[in-house]
Amino acid sequence: MATVSRYLPPEHGAWAMLLVPFALGTFSATPSWWSLLLLVAWLAAYLTSYYALRWWKTRELAHRGLRFRVPAIAYATVLAVSGVALIIVEPWLAVAALAFVPFEAAAAALALHGRERSLTAGIASATAASLMAPVAYRFAEGDDRSVASALFAVSWLALTGSVLHVKSTIRERDNPRYRYASIAFHAVSLLVAMWIEPVLAIPFGFLLIRAVVVPQHRWRPAQIGAVEIVGSLLVLTVPLIAL
């Protein structure tokens, strides 16, 4: 278990940010076995950046630097092999990858300055992650631009709302401005989601209720995370049925 933990970051919320947009896009079209390779590359890109950033920040500490260097190189190798294979199959992915660069660069720059937990970094990461929804959709032979746009919007609203909500319940739980901002954002998100598709009132209504209720209690991170899992499942399953 200790060996496995060295290759898996303790950022549990990141998995929802990675998997929800990918699944939304992939299963809104007709996935093939190649979609699994896209998932491998997508996860490898995140894991490479996670460990590479920590390797850079601890490069002068021999023991810690080695601890992060090994997984960084391993995941970079996986990313390189899977990425080249994907571009050979679908050359347009090379152009699509450029859309991720500004947001990933912003998140990386903030992380290098010790601000990886900032709201700006969270929104940048949520935006980059949400771009995977239309990419995965097109990769799975989806060709409706309105659906692609809706998938990005649903993902971005849900993930950005989650960033605000978690901050209002943990790091900024004593700052009422974050709580009010979270509630306001979720209220607007509900209206936008209902405009996209009325049935999306189900997941986004749930997200709004949890944005109002959860910060009133000093719940442990595990309890907050459990609620986020329910919200993520609703955000994932309802649009797949409706869109």
C-alpha atoms as a PDB file:
ATOM      1  CA  MET A   1       0.000   0.000   0.000  1.00  0.00           C
ATOM      2  CA  ALA A   2       2.869   2.367   0.776  1.00  0.00           C
ATOM      3  CA  THR A   3       4.268   1.823  -2.725  1.00  0.00           C
ATOM      4  CA  VAL A   4       0.880   2.462  -4.338  1.00  0.00           C
ATOM      5  CA  SER A   5       0.362   5.648  -2.308  1.00  0.00           C
ATOM      6  CA  ARG A   6       3.607   7.026  -3.713  1.00  0.00           C
ATOM      7  CA  TYR A   7       2.031   6.993  -7.169  1.00  0.00           C
ATOM      8  CA  LEU A   8      -1.403   8.341  -6.222  1.00  0.00           C
ATOM      9  CA  PRO A   9      -1.795  11.928  -4.990  1.00  0.00           C
ATOM     10  CA  PRO A  10      -3.919  12.523  -1.884  1.00  0.00           C
ATOM     11  CA  GLU A  11      -6.119  15.001  -3.772  1.00  0.00           C
ATOM     12  CA  HIS A  12      -9.420  13.123  -3.675  1.00  0.00           C
ATOM     13  CA  GLY A  13     -11.467  15.962  -5.152  1.00  0.00           C
ATOM     14  CA  ALA A  14      -9.276  16.002  -8.251  1.00  0.00           C
ATOM     15  CA  TRP A  15     -10.644  12.650  -9.409  1.00  0.00           C
ATOM     16  CA  ALA A  16     -14.170  14.006  -9.780  1.00  0.00           C
ATOM     17  CA  MET A  17     -12.771  17.016 -11.627  1.00  0.00           C
ATOM     18  CA  LEU A  18     -11.050  14.646 -14.043  1.00  0.00           C
ATOM     19  CA  LEU A  19     -13.645  11.913 -14.450  1.00  0.00           C
ATOM     20  CA  VAL A  20     -16.941  13.824 -14.584  1.00  0.00           C
ATOM     21  CA  PRO A  21     -16.126  15.891 -17.720  1.00  0.00           C
ATOM     22  CA  PHE A  22     -14.545  12.907 -19.449  1.00  0.00           C
ATOM     23  CA  ALA A  23     -17.526  10.655 -18.729  1.00  0.00           C
ATOM     24  CA  LEU A  24     -20.017  13.365 -19.711  1.00  0.00           C
ATOM     25  CA  GLY A  25     -18.402  13.820 -23.085  1.00  0.00           C
ATOM     26  CA  THR A  26     -17.636  10.186 -23.790  1.00  0.00           C
ATOM     27  CA  PHE A  27     -21.011   8.692 -22.925  1.00  0.00           C
ATOM     28  CA  SER A  28     -22.977  11.471 -24.612  1.00  0.00           C
ATOM     29  CA  ALA A  29     -21.768  10.006 -27.906  1.00  0.00           C
ATOM     30  CA  THR A  30     -20.594   6.563 -29.024  1.00  0.00           C
ATOM     31  CA  PRO A  31     -17.416   5.598 -27.206  1.00  0.00           C
ATOM     32  CA  SER A  32     -14.978   3.039 -28.549  1.00  0.00           C
ATOM     33  CA  TRP A  33     -12.016   1.249 -27.050  1.00  0.00           C
ATOM     34  CA  TRP A  34      -9.904   4.223 -28.139  1.00  0.00           C
ATOM     35  CA  SER A  35     -11.733   6.285 -25.530  1.00  0.00           C
ATOM     36  CA  LEU A  36      -9.925   4.242 -22.875  1.00  0.00           C
ATOM     37  CA  LEU A  37      -6.617   5.428 -24.308  1.00  0.00           C
ATOM     38  CA  LEU A  38      -7.869   9.007 -24.151  1.00  0.00           C
ATOM     39  CA  LEU A  39      -8.711   8.442 -20.489  1.00  0.00           C
ATOM     40  CA  VAL A  40      -5.229   7.055 -19.842  1.00  0.00           C
ATOM     41  CA  ALA A  41      -3.627  10.110 -21.444  1.00  0.00           C
ATOM     42  CA  TRP A  42      -5.967  12.454 -19.573  1.00  0.00           C
ATOM     43  CA  LEU A  43      -5.167  10.940 -16.180  1.00  0.00           C
ATOM     44  CA  ALA A  44      -1.460  10.720 -17.027  1.00  0.00           C
ATOM     45  CA  ALA A  45      -1.413  14.430 -17.908  1.00  0.00           C
ATOM     46  CA  TYR A  46      -2.780  15.345 -14.488  1.00  0.00           C
ATOM     47  CA  LEU A  47      -0.501  12.952 -12.624  1.00  0.00           C
ATOM     48  CA  THR A  48       2.538  14.156 -14.553  1.00  0.00           C
ATOM     49  CA  SER A  49       1.823  17.784 -13.731  1.00  0.00           C
ATOM     50  CA  TYR A  50       1.101  16.970 -10.074  1.00  0.00           C
ATOM     51  CA  TYR A  51       4.353  15.141  -9.461  1.00  0.00           C
ATOM     52  CA  ALA A  52       6.470  17.327 -11.761  1.00  0.00           C
ATOM     53  CA  LEU A  53       5.443  20.461  -9.875  1.00  0.00           C
ATOM     54  CA  ARG A  54       6.304  18.877  -6.542  1.00  0.00           C
ATOM     55  CA  TRP A  55       9.571  17.563  -7.939  1.00  0.00           C
ATOM     56  CA  TRP A  56      10.495  21.083  -9.034  1.00  0.00           C
ATOM     57  CA  LYS A  57       9.552  22.621  -5.692  1.00  0.00           C
ATOM     58  CA  THR A  58      11.580  20.042  -3.744  1.00  0.00           C
ATOM     59  CA  ARG A  59      14.458  19.597  -6.201  1.00  0.00           C
ATOM     60  CA  GLU A  60      17.014  20.790  -3.631  1.00  0.00           C
ATOM     61  CA  LEU A  61      15.836  18.201  -1.083  1.00  0.00           C
ATOM     62  CA  ALA A  62      17.407  14.940  -2.231  1.00  0.00           C
ATOM     63  CA  HIS A  63      15.043  12.519  -0.511  1.00  0.00           C
ATOM     64  CA  ARG A  64      11.797  14.335  -1.272  1.00  0.00           C
ATOM     65  CA  GLY A  65      12.948  15.245  -4.767  1.00  0.00           C
ATOM     66  CA  LEU A  66      13.526  11.579  -5.604  1.00  0.00           C
ATOM     67  CA  ARG A  67      10.159  10.677  -4.142  1.00  0.00           C
ATOM     68  CA  PHE A  68       8.405  12.934  -6.672  1.00  0.00           C
ATOM     69  CA  ARG A  69      10.834  12.480  -9.555  1.00  0.00           C
ATOM     70  CA  VAL A  70      10.178   8.768 -10.074  1.00  0.00           C
ATOM     71  CA  PRO A  71       6.378   9.016 -10.490  1.00  0.00           C
ATOM     72  CA  ALA A  72       6.756  12.213 -12.550  1.00  0.00           C
ATOM     73  CA  ILE A  73       8.983  10.438 -15.071  1.00  0.00           C
ATOM     74  CA  ALA A  74       6.798   7.320 -15.054  1.00  0.00           C
ATOM     75  CA  TYR A  75       3.599   9.242 -15.771  1.00  0.00           C
ATOM     76  CA  ALA A  76       5.323  11.478 -18.329  1.00  0.00           C
ATOM     77  CA  THR A  77       6.339   8.341 -20.210  1.00  0.00           C
ATOM     78  CA  VAL A  78       2.766   7.057 -20.179  1.00  0.00           C
ATOM     79  CA  LEU A  79       1.538  10.454 -21.360  1.00  0.00           C
ATOM     80  CA  ALA A  80       4.062  10.603 -24.190  1.00  0.00           C
ATOM     81  CA  VAL A  81       3.259   7.118 -25.505  1.00  0.00           C
ATOM     82  CA  SER A  82      -0.528   7.456 -25.223  1.00  0.00           C
ATOM     83  CA  GLY A  83      -0.477  11.028 -26.524  1.00  0.00           C
ATOM     84  CA  VAL A  84       1.483  10.152 -29.657  1.00  0.00           C
ATOM     85  CA  ALA A  85      -0.811   7.200 -30.356  1.00  0.00           C
ATOM     86  CA  LEU A  86      -3.900   9.390 -29.992  1.00  0.00           C
ATOM     87  CA  ILE A  87      -2.563  12.096 -32.283  1.00  0.00           C
ATOM     88  CA  ILE A  88      -1.757   9.496 -34.929  1.00  0.00           C
ATOM     89  CA  VAL A  89      -5.360   8.272 -34.741  1.00  0.00           C
ATOM     90  CA  GLU A  90      -6.952  11.736 -34.431  1.00  0.00           C
ATOM     91  CA  PRO A  91      -4.528  14.526 -35.462  1.00  0.00           C
ATOM     92  CA  TRP A  92      -7.006  17.256 -34.430  1.00  0.00           C
ATOM     93  CA  LEU A  93      -6.247  16.398 -30.800  1.00  0.00           C
ATOM     94  CA  ALA A  94      -2.901  18.185 -31.156  1.00  0.00           C
ATOM     95  CA  VAL A  95      -4.760  21.435 -31.843  1.00  0.00           C
ATOM     96  CA  ALA A  96      -7.374  20.768 -29.168  1.00  0.00           C
ATOM     97  CA  ALA A  97      -4.611  20.301 -26.602  1.00  0.00           C
ATOM     98  CA  LEU A  98      -3.569  23.926 -27.107  1.00  0.00           C
ATOM     99  CA  ALA A  99      -6.858  25.097 -25.570  1.00  0.00           C
ATOM    100  CA  PHE A 100      -5.828  23.568 -22.252  1.00  0.00           C
ATOM    101  CA  VAL A 101      -2.453  25.338 -22.114  1.00  0.00           C
ATOM    102  CA  PRO A 102      -3.467  28.796 -20.766  1.00  0.00           C
ATOM    103  CA  PHE A 103      -5.509  27.376 -17.898  1.00  0.00           C
ATOM    104  CA  GLU A 104      -3.044  24.646 -16.976  1.00  0.00           C
ATOM    105  CA  ALA A 105      -0.198  27.181 -17.156  1.00  0.00           C
ATOM    106  CA  ALA A 106      -2.069  29.552 -14.847  1.00  0.00           C
ATOM    107  CA  ALA A 107      -2.738  26.779 -12.335  1.00  0.00           C
ATOM    108  CA  ALA A 108       0.886  25.627 -12.505  1.00  0.00           C
ATOM    109  CA  ALA A 109       2.239  29.158 -12.044  1.00  0.00           C
ATOM    110  CA  LEU A 110       0.064  29.674  -8.983  1.00  0.00           C
ATOM    111  CA  ALA A 111       1.164  26.311  -7.584  1.00  0.00           C
ATOM    112  CA  LEU A 112       4.828  27.229  -8.000  1.00  0.00           C
ATOM    113  CA  HIS A 113       4.161  30.344  -5.929  1.00  0.00           C
ATOM    114  CA  GLY A 114       2.438  28.353  -3.214  1.00  0.00           C
ATOM    115  CA  ARG A 115      -1.060  29.403  -4.245  1.00  0.00           C
ATOM    116  CA  GLU A 116      -2.370  26.083  -5.544  1.00  0.00           C
ATOM    117  CA  ARG A 117      -5.255  26.315  -3.062  1.00  0.00           C
ATOM    118  CA  SER A 118      -6.329  29.763  -4.234  1.00  0.00           C
ATOM    119  CA  LEU A 119      -9.725  30.399  -5.787  1.00  0.00           C
ATOM    120  CA  THR A 120      -8.077  31.498  -9.042  1.00  0.00           C
ATOM    121  CA  ALA A 121      -6.122  28.257  -9.296  1.00  0.00           C
ATOM    122  CA  GLY A 122      -9.264  26.254  -8.585  1.00  0.00           C
ATOM    123  CA  ILE A 123     -11.269  28.004 -11.291  1.00  0.00           C
ATOM    124  CA  ALA A 124      -8.402  27.621 -13.783  1.00  0.00           C
ATOM    125  CA  SER A 125      -8.271  23.890 -13.053  1.00  0.00           C
ATOM    126  CA  ALA A 126     -12.057  23.583 -13.315  1.00  0.00           C
ATOM    127  CA  THR A 127     -11.995  25.322 -16.697  1.00  0.00           C
ATOM    128  CA  ALA A 128      -9.207  23.108 -18.028  1.00  0.00           C
ATOM    129  CA  ALA A 129     -10.990  19.991 -16.782  1.00  0.00           C
ATOM    130  CA  SER A 130     -14.294  21.070 -18.343  1.00  0.00           C
ATOM    131  CA  LEU A 131     -12.666  21.417 -21.756  1.00  0.00           C
ATOM    132  CA  MET A 132     -12.300  17.645 -21.746  1.00  0.00           C
ATOM    133  CA  ALA A 133     -16.081  17.249 -21.998  1.00  0.00           C
ATOM    134  CA  PRO A 134     -16.384  18.534 -25.601  1.00  0.00           C
ATOM    135  CA  VAL A 135     -13.055  16.945 -26.554  1.00  0.00           C
ATOM    136  CA  ALA A 136     -14.151  13.514 -25.300  1.00  0.00           C
ATOM    137  CA  TYR A 137     -17.531  14.025 -26.977  1.00  0.00           C
ATOM    138  CA  ARG A 138     -15.997  14.691 -30.377  1.00  0.00           C
ATOM    139  CA  PHE A 139     -13.480  11.882 -29.897  1.00  0.00           C
ATOM    140  CA  ALA A 140     -16.432   9.533 -29.350  1.00  0.00           C
ATOM    141  CA  GLU A 141     -17.892  10.613 -32.713  1.00  0.00           C
ATOM    142  CA  GLY A 142     -20.185  13.295 -31.292  1.00  0.00           C
ATOM    143  CA  ASP A 143     -20.877  15.945 -33.943  1.00  0.00           C
ATOM    144  CA  ASP A 144     -23.518  18.256 -32.420  1.00  0.00           C
ATOM    145  CA  ARG A 145     -21.870  21.555 -31.455  1.00  0.00           C
ATOM    146  CA  SER A 146     -24.776  22.592 -29.265  1.00  0.00           C
ATOM    147  CA  VAL A 147     -24.406  19.404 -27.233  1.00  0.00           C
ATOM    148  CA  ALA A 148     -20.648  19.936 -26.978  1.00  0.00           C
ATOM    149  CA  SER A 149     -21.208  23.477 -25.693  1.00  0.00           C
ATOM    150  CA  ALA A 150     -23.841  22.288 -23.226  1.00  0.00           C
ATOM    151  CA  LEU A 151     -21.501  19.598 -21.894  1.00  0.00           C
ATOM    152  CA  PHE A 152     -18.775  22.179 -21.294  1.00  0.00           C
ATOM    153  CA  ALA A 153     -21.212  24.544 -19.577  1.00  0.00           C
ATOM    154  CA  VAL A 154     -22.674  21.841 -17.314  1.00  0.00           C
ATOM    155  CA  SER A 155     -19.220  20.639 -16.343  1.00  0.00           C
ATOM    156  CA  TRP A 156     -17.844  24.132 -15.741  1.00  0.00           C
ATOM    157  CA  LEU A 157     -20.794  25.241 -13.631  1.00  0.00           C
ATOM    158  CA  ALA A 158     -20.645  22.100 -11.492  1.00  0.00           C
ATOM    159  CA  LEU A 159     -16.862  22.062 -11.003  1.00  0.00           C
ATOM    160  CA  THR A 160     -16.490  25.788 -10.381  1.00  0.00           C
ATOM    161  CA  GLY A 161     -19.385  25.631  -7.952  1.00  0.00           C
ATOM    162  CA  SER A 162     -17.654  22.764  -6.161  1.00  0.00           C
ATOM    163  CA  VAL A 163     -14.470  24.827  -5.837  1.00  0.00           C
ATOM    164  CA  LEU A 164     -16.406  27.687  -4.246  1.00  0.00           C
ATOM    165  CA  HIS A 165     -18.455  25.403  -2.033  1.00  0.00           C
ATOM    166  CA  VAL A 166     -15.501  23.456  -0.640  1.00  0.00           C
ATOM    167  CA  LYS A 167     -13.701  26.692   0.149  1.00  0.00           C
ATOM    168  CA  SER A 168     -16.768  28.009   1.956  1.00  0.00           C
ATOM    169  CA  THR A 169     -16.920  24.870   4.097  1.00  0.00           C
ATOM    170  CA  ILE A 170     -13.242  24.255   4.886  1.00  0.00           C
ATOM    171  CA  ARG A 171     -10.540  26.870   4.342  1.00  0.00           C
ATOM    172  CA  GLU A 172     -12.869  29.883   4.291  1.00  0.00           C
ATOM    173  CA  ARG A 173     -15.666  28.579   6.488  1.00  0.00           C
ATOM    174  CA  ASP A 174     -15.315  31.577   8.814  1.00  0.00           C
ATOM    175  CA  ASN A 175     -15.498  34.024   5.908  1.00  0.00           C
ATOM    176  CA  PRO A 176     -19.181  34.761   5.121  1.00  0.00           C
ATOM    177  CA  ARG A 177     -18.281  36.323   1.762  1.00  0.00           C
ATOM    178  CA  TYR A 178     -17.311  32.934   0.387  1.00  0.00           C
ATOM    179  CA  ARG A 179     -20.556  31.401   1.599  1.00  0.00           C
ATOM    180  CA  TYR A 180     -22.640  34.151  -0.009  1.00  0.00           C
ATOM    181  CA  ALA A 181     -20.606  33.973  -3.219  1.00  0.00           C
ATOM    182  CA  SER A 182     -21.082  30.211  -3.350  1.00  0.00           C
ATOM    183  CA  ILE A 183     -24.837  30.460  -2.861  1.00  0.00           C
ATOM    184  CA  ALA A 184     -25.148  33.215  -5.471  1.00  0.00           C
ATOM    185  CA  PHE A 185     -23.081  31.257  -7.974  1.00  0.00           C
ATOM    186  CA  HIS A 186     -25.145  28.115  -7.449  1.00  0.00           C
ATOM    187  CA  ALA A 187     -28.400  30.056  -7.813  1.00  0.00           C
ATOM    188  CA  VAL A 188     -27.247  31.466 -11.159  1.00  0.00           C
ATOM    189  CA  SER A 189     -25.963  28.022 -12.166  1.00  0.00           C
ATOM    190  CA  LEU A 190     -29.393  26.539 -11.510  1.00  0.00           C
ATOM    191  CA  LEU A 191     -31.030  29.108 -13.793  1.00  0.00           C
ATOM    192  CA  VAL A 192     -28.467  28.563 -16.556  1.00  0.00           C
ATOM    193  CA  ALA A 193     -28.755  24.786 -16.259  1.00  0.00           C
ATOM    194  CA  MET A 194     -32.546  24.934 -16.491  1.00  0.00           C
ATOM    195  CA  TRP A 195     -32.227  27.111 -19.584  1.00  0.00           C
ATOM    196  CA  ILE A 196     -29.968  24.462 -21.147  1.00  0.00           C
ATOM    197  CA  GLU A 197     -32.336  21.635 -20.207  1.00  0.00           C
ATOM    198  CA  PRO A 198     -35.138  21.854 -17.606  1.00  0.00           C
ATOM    199  CA  VAL A 199     -34.379  18.426 -16.118  1.00  0.00           C
ATOM    200  CA  LEU A 200     -30.952  19.717 -15.061  1.00  0.00           C
ATOM    201  CA  ALA A 201     -32.839  21.391 -12.216  1.00  0.00           C
ATOM    202  CA  ILE A 202     -32.411  18.053 -10.418  1.00  0.00           C
ATOM    203  CA  PRO A 203     -28.606  18.026 -10.042  1.00  0.00           C
ATOM    204  CA  PHE A 204     -28.175  21.788  -9.855  1.00  0.00           C
ATOM    205  CA  GLY A 205     -31.062  22.143  -7.429  1.00  0.00           C
ATOM    206  CA  PHE A 206     -29.297  19.619  -5.209  1.00  0.00           C
ATOM    207  CA  LEU A 207     -26.023  21.540  -5.529  1.00  0.00           C
ATOM    208  CA  LEU A 208     -27.738  24.781  -4.537  1.00  0.00           C
ATOM    209  CA  ILE A 209     -29.357  23.173  -1.491  1.00  0.00           C
ATOM    210  CA  ARG A 210     -26.033  21.722  -0.336  1.00  0.00           C
ATOM    211  CA  ALA A 211     -24.367  25.146  -0.873  1.00  0.00           C
ATOM    212  CA  VAL A 212     -26.924  26.633   1.526  1.00  0.00           C
ATOM    213  CA  VAL A 213     -27.118  23.846   4.107  1.00  0.00           C
ATOM    214  CA  VAL A 214     -23.637  22.324   4.448  1.00  0.00           C
ATOM    215  CA  PRO A 215     -21.728  25.504   5.455  1.00  0.00           C
ATOM    216  CA  GLN A 216     -24.116  25.906   8.403  1.00  0.00           C
ATOM    217  CA  HIS A 217     -22.500  22.852   9.988  1.00  0.00           C
ATOM    218  CA  ARG A 218     -18.856  22.239  10.810  1.00  0.00           C
ATOM    219  CA  TRP A 219     -18.706  18.914   9.049  1.00  0.00           C
ATOM    220  CA  ARG A 220     -15.506  16.947   8.645  1.00  0.00           C
ATOM    221  CA  PRO A 221     -13.876  16.857   5.179  1.00  0.00           C
ATOM    222  CA  ALA A 222     -14.986  13.228   4.756  1.00  0.00           C
ATOM    223  CA  GLN A 223     -18.629  14.215   5.283  1.00  0.00           C
ATOM    224  CA  ILE A 224     -18.323  17.138   2.886  1.00  0.00           C
ATOM    225  CA  GLY A 225     -16.670  14.826   0.364  1.00  0.00           C
ATOM    226  CA  ALA A 226     -19.515  12.323   0.621  1.00  0.00           C
ATOM    227  CA  VAL A 227     -22.020  15.033  -0.306  1.00  0.00           C
ATOM    228  CA  GLU A 228     -19.798  16.056  -3.224  1.00  0.00           C
ATOM    229  CA  ILE A 229     -19.793  12.468  -4.488  1.00  0.00           C
ATOM    230  CA  VAL A 230     -23.596  12.458  -4.543  1.00  0.00           C
ATOM    231  CA  GLY A 231     -23.604  15.784  -6.376  1.00  0.00           C
ATOM    232  CA  SER A 232     -21.040  14.542  -8.908  1.00  0.00           C
ATOM    233  CA  LEU A 233     -23.093  11.428  -9.613  1.00  0.00           C
ATOM    234  CA  LEU A 234     -26.206  13.523 -10.209  1.00  0.00           C
ATOM    235  CA  VAL A 235     -24.319  15.934 -12.467  1.00  0.00           C
ATOM    236  CA  LEU A 236     -23.010  12.968 -14.426  1.00  0.00           C
ATOM    237  CA  THR A 237     -26.098  10.779 -14.763  1.00  0.00           C
ATOM    238  CA  VAL A 238     -28.893  13.300 -15.305  1.00  0.00           C
ATOM    239  CA  PRO A 239     -27.291  15.090 -18.298  1.00  0.00           C
ATOM    240  CA  LEU A 240     -26.478  11.737 -19.904  1.00  0.00           C
ATOM    241  CA  ILE A 241     -30.180  10.952 -19.801  1.00  0.00           C
ATOM    242  CA  ALA A 242     -31.370  14.420 -20.795  1.00  0.00           C
ATOM    243  CA  LEU A 243     -28.915  15.749 -23.371  1.00  0.00           C
END
